[in-house]
C-alpha atoms as a PDB file:
ATOM      1  CA  UNK A   1     -24.988  -8.954  63.734  1.00  0.00           C
ATOM      2  CA  UNK A   2     -22.745  -5.591  65.077  1.00  0.00           C
ATOM      3  CA  UNK A   3     -22.519  -2.507  62.393  1.00  0.00           C
ATOM      4  CA  UNK A   4     -19.081  -3.656  62.392  1.00  0.00           C
ATOM      5  CA  UNK A   5     -19.794  -6.942  60.784  1.00  0.00           C
ATOM      6  CA  UNK A   6     -22.612  -5.551  58.514  1.00  0.00           C
ATOM      7  CA  UNK A   7     -20.657  -2.809  56.963  1.00  0.00           C
ATOM      8  CA  UNK A   8     -17.874  -5.174  56.275  1.00  0.00           C
ATOM      9  CA  UNK A   9     -20.604  -7.715  54.358  1.00  0.00           C
ATOM     10  CA  UNK A  10     -21.470  -4.287  52.439  1.00  0.00           C
ATOM     11  CA  UNK A  11     -18.028  -3.254  51.551  1.00  0.00           C
ATOM     12  CA  UNK A  12     -17.310  -7.816  50.406  1.00  0.00           C
ATOM     13  CA  UNK A  13     -20.569  -6.801  48.435  1.00  0.00           C
ATOM     14  CA  UNK A  14     -20.038  -4.253  46.497  1.00  0.00           C
ATOM     15  CA  UNK A  15     -15.785  -5.418  46.078  1.00  0.00           C
ATOM     16  CA  UNK A  16     -17.715  -8.581  44.639  1.00  0.00           C
ATOM     17  CA  UNK A  17     -19.716  -6.380  42.177  1.00  0.00           C
ATOM     18  CA  UNK A  18     -17.434  -4.333  41.016  1.00  0.00           C
ATOM     19  CA  UNK A  19     -14.791  -6.739  40.317  1.00  0.00           C
ATOM     20  CA  UNK A  20     -18.000  -8.768  38.324  1.00  0.00           C
ATOM     21  CA  UNK A  21     -18.738  -5.534  36.731  1.00  0.00           C
ATOM     22  CA  UNK A  22     -15.229  -4.789  35.757  1.00  0.00           C
ATOM     23  CA  UNK A  23     -15.036  -8.847  34.584  1.00  0.00           C
ATOM     24  CA  UNK A  24     -17.813  -8.275  31.982  1.00  0.00           C
ATOM     25  CA  UNK A  25     -16.554  -4.948  31.194  1.00  0.00           C
ATOM     26  CA  UNK A  26     -12.876  -6.846  29.800  1.00  0.00           C
ATOM     27  CA  UNK A  27     -15.445  -9.565  27.854  1.00  0.00           C
ATOM     28  CA  UNK A  28     -17.132  -6.694  26.633  1.00  0.00           C
ATOM     29  CA  UNK A  29     -14.420  -5.004  25.139  1.00  0.00           C
ATOM     30  CA  UNK A  30     -11.975  -8.691  24.222  1.00  0.00           C
ATOM     31  CA  UNK A  31     -15.106  -9.491  21.903  1.00  0.00           C
ATOM     32  CA  UNK A  32     -15.265  -6.379  20.195  1.00  0.00           C
ATOM     33  CA  UNK A  33     -11.502  -6.314  19.526  1.00  0.00           C
ATOM     34  CA  UNK A  34     -12.002  -9.683  17.544  1.00  0.00           C
ATOM     35  CA  UNK A  35     -14.865  -8.685  16.123  1.00  0.00           C
ATOM     36  CA  UNK A  36     -13.543  -5.739  14.471  1.00  0.00           C
ATOM     37  CA  UNK A  37     -10.539  -8.846  13.440  1.00  0.00           C
ATOM     38  CA  UNK A  38     -12.623 -10.542  12.005  1.00  0.00           C
ATOM     39  CA  UNK A  39     -14.720  -7.545   9.813  1.00  0.00           C
ATOM     40  CA  UNK A  40     -10.570  -6.580   9.113  1.00  0.00           C
ATOM     41  CA  UNK A  41     -10.047 -10.349   7.860  1.00  0.00           C
ATOM     42  CA  UNK A  42     -12.790 -10.406   5.656  1.00  0.00           C
ATOM     43  CA  UNK A  43     -12.007  -7.327   4.326  1.00  0.00           C
ATOM     44  CA  UNK A  44      -8.840  -8.467   2.737  1.00  0.00           C
ATOM     45  CA  UNK A  45      -9.996 -11.697   2.067  1.00  0.00           C
ATOM     46  CA  UNK A  46     -12.795  -9.802  -0.272  1.00  0.00           C
ATOM     47  CA  UNK A  47      -9.589  -7.924  -1.692  1.00  0.00           C
ATOM     48  CA  UNK A  48      -8.228 -11.218  -2.594  1.00  0.00           C
ATOM     49  CA  UNK A  49     -10.128 -13.389  -3.883  1.00  0.00           C
ATOM     50  CA  UNK A  50     -12.475 -13.561  -6.519  1.00  0.00           C
ATOM     51  CA  UNK A  51     -16.292 -14.628  -5.823  1.00  0.00           C
ATOM     52  CA  UNK A  52     -15.350 -18.009  -6.464  1.00  0.00           C
ATOM     53  CA  UNK A  53     -12.250 -18.321  -4.175  1.00  0.00           C
ATOM     54  CA  UNK A  54     -14.466 -16.617  -1.607  1.00  0.00           C
ATOM     55  CA  UNK A  55     -17.613 -19.218  -2.254  1.00  0.00           C
ATOM     56  CA  UNK A  56     -14.831 -22.018  -2.106  1.00  0.00           C
ATOM     57  CA  UNK A  57     -13.911 -20.987   1.658  1.00  0.00           C
ATOM     58  CA  UNK A  58     -17.494 -20.481   2.623  1.00  0.00           C
ATOM     59  CA  UNK A  59     -18.469 -23.687   1.529  1.00  0.00           C
ATOM     60  CA  UNK A  60     -15.022 -25.234   3.667  1.00  0.00           C
ATOM     61  CA  UNK A  61     -15.548 -23.118   6.390  1.00  0.00           C
ATOM     62  CA  UNK A  62     -19.415 -24.675   7.109  1.00  0.00           C
ATOM     63  CA  UNK A  63     -17.614 -28.821   7.473  1.00  0.00           C
ATOM     64  CA  UNK A  64     -13.676 -27.554   8.852  1.00  0.00           C
ATOM     65  CA  UNK A  65     -13.829 -24.874  10.471  1.00  0.00           C
ATOM     66  CA  UNK A  66     -10.876 -24.592  12.010  1.00  0.00           C
ATOM     67  CA  UNK A  67      -9.158 -25.314   8.872  1.00  0.00           C
ATOM     68  CA  UNK A  68     -10.618 -22.301   7.056  1.00  0.00           C
ATOM     69  CA  UNK A  69      -9.324 -20.166   9.509  1.00  0.00           C
ATOM     70  CA  UNK A  70      -5.880 -21.625   8.992  1.00  0.00           C
ATOM     71  CA  UNK A  71      -6.103 -20.390   5.380  1.00  0.00           C
ATOM     72  CA  UNK A  72      -7.892 -17.011   6.058  1.00  0.00           C
ATOM     73  CA  UNK A  73      -4.930 -16.641   8.328  1.00  0.00           C
ATOM     74  CA  UNK A  74      -2.659 -17.837   5.497  1.00  0.00           C
ATOM     75  CA  UNK A  75      -4.288 -15.786   2.945  1.00  0.00           C
ATOM     76  CA  UNK A  76      -4.529 -12.546   5.000  1.00  0.00           C
ATOM     77  CA  UNK A  77      -0.344 -12.817   5.637  1.00  0.00           C
ATOM     78  CA  UNK A  78       0.184 -13.659   2.510  1.00  0.00           C
ATOM     79  CA  UNK A  79      -1.702 -10.514   0.476  1.00  0.00           C
ATOM     80  CA  UNK A  80       0.251  -8.045   3.524  1.00  0.00           C
ATOM     81  CA  UNK A  81       3.961  -9.491   3.139  1.00  0.00           C
ATOM     82  CA  UNK A  82       3.176  -8.517  -1.002  1.00  0.00           C
ATOM     83  CA  UNK A  83       2.940 -11.962  -2.278  1.00  0.00           C
ATOM     84  CA  UNK A  84      -0.474 -12.176  -3.691  1.00  0.00           C
ATOM     85  CA  UNK A  85       0.209  -9.259  -6.932  1.00  0.00           C
ATOM     86  CA  UNK A  86      -3.932 -10.298  -7.793  1.00  0.00           C
ATOM     87  CA  UNK A  87      -6.764 -11.607  -6.301  1.00  0.00           C
ATOM     88  CA  UNK A  88      -6.886 -15.264  -6.018  1.00  0.00           C
ATOM     89  CA  UNK A  89      -9.342 -17.071  -9.014  1.00  0.00           C
ATOM     90  CA  UNK A  90     -10.150 -21.189  -7.945  1.00  0.00           C
ATOM     91  CA  UNK A  91      -8.683 -22.799  -9.706  1.00  0.00           C
ATOM     92  CA  UNK A  92      -5.736 -20.700  -7.432  1.00  0.00           C
ATOM     93  CA  UNK A  93      -7.024 -21.701  -3.922  1.00  0.00           C
ATOM     94  CA  UNK A  94      -7.196 -25.014  -4.807  1.00  0.00           C
ATOM     95  CA  UNK A  95      -4.049 -25.650  -5.664  1.00  0.00           C
ATOM     96  CA  UNK A  96      -3.182 -24.385  -2.609  1.00  0.00           C
ATOM     97  CA  UNK A  97      -5.720 -26.119  -0.574  1.00  0.00           C
ATOM     98  CA  UNK A  98      -4.610 -28.941  -2.342  1.00  0.00           C
ATOM     99  CA  UNK A  99      -0.568 -28.137  -1.032  1.00  0.00           C
ATOM    100  CA  UNK A 100      -1.878 -27.131   2.984  1.00  0.00           C
ATOM    101  CA  UNK A 101      -4.377 -30.660   2.750  1.00  0.00           C
ATOM    102  CA  UNK A 102      -1.786 -32.909   4.427  1.00  0.00           C
ATOM    103  CA  UNK A 103      -1.840 -36.844   1.880  1.00  0.00           C
ATOM    104  CA  UNK A 104      -4.060 -39.395   2.633  1.00  0.00           C
ATOM    105  CA  UNK A 105      -2.699 -43.241   3.776  1.00  0.00           C
ATOM    106  CA  UNK A 106      -3.855 -45.805   2.672  1.00  0.00           C
ATOM    107  CA  UNK A 107      -4.148 -48.949   3.794  1.00  0.00           C
ATOM    108  CA  UNK A 108      -4.355 -52.559   2.356  1.00  0.00           C
ATOM    109  CA  UNK A 109      -5.387 -55.424   4.065  1.00  0.00           C
ATOM    110  CA  UNK A 110      -4.613 -58.563   2.233  1.00  0.00           C
ATOM    111  CA  UNK A 111      -6.113 -61.445   3.800  1.00  0.00           C
ATOM    112  CA  UNK A 112      -3.791 -65.118   3.466  1.00  0.00           C
END
């Protein structure tokens, strides 16, 4: 193997390592940004939800994380737009959840 080939291999390997380091840094930055957003959402929810309502939302988050995330985002948007004037109680959250959950269809099969 010649000196030129060895230098070329070293250069390629160095470029590959630099790309990996840049990718890892961008992933870390993205994780940090997501943590900050979650922290901000959490702070807004602490301000607009009563403790019982917050507990109910956390319970929903355990069973249906995607649905809970959508509810959180909607609550934050309502708060930011100024449509929420007072803290949301557990009963108010229940009513909101009833509106957001699609109604289930009941099928009744009768045999002849």
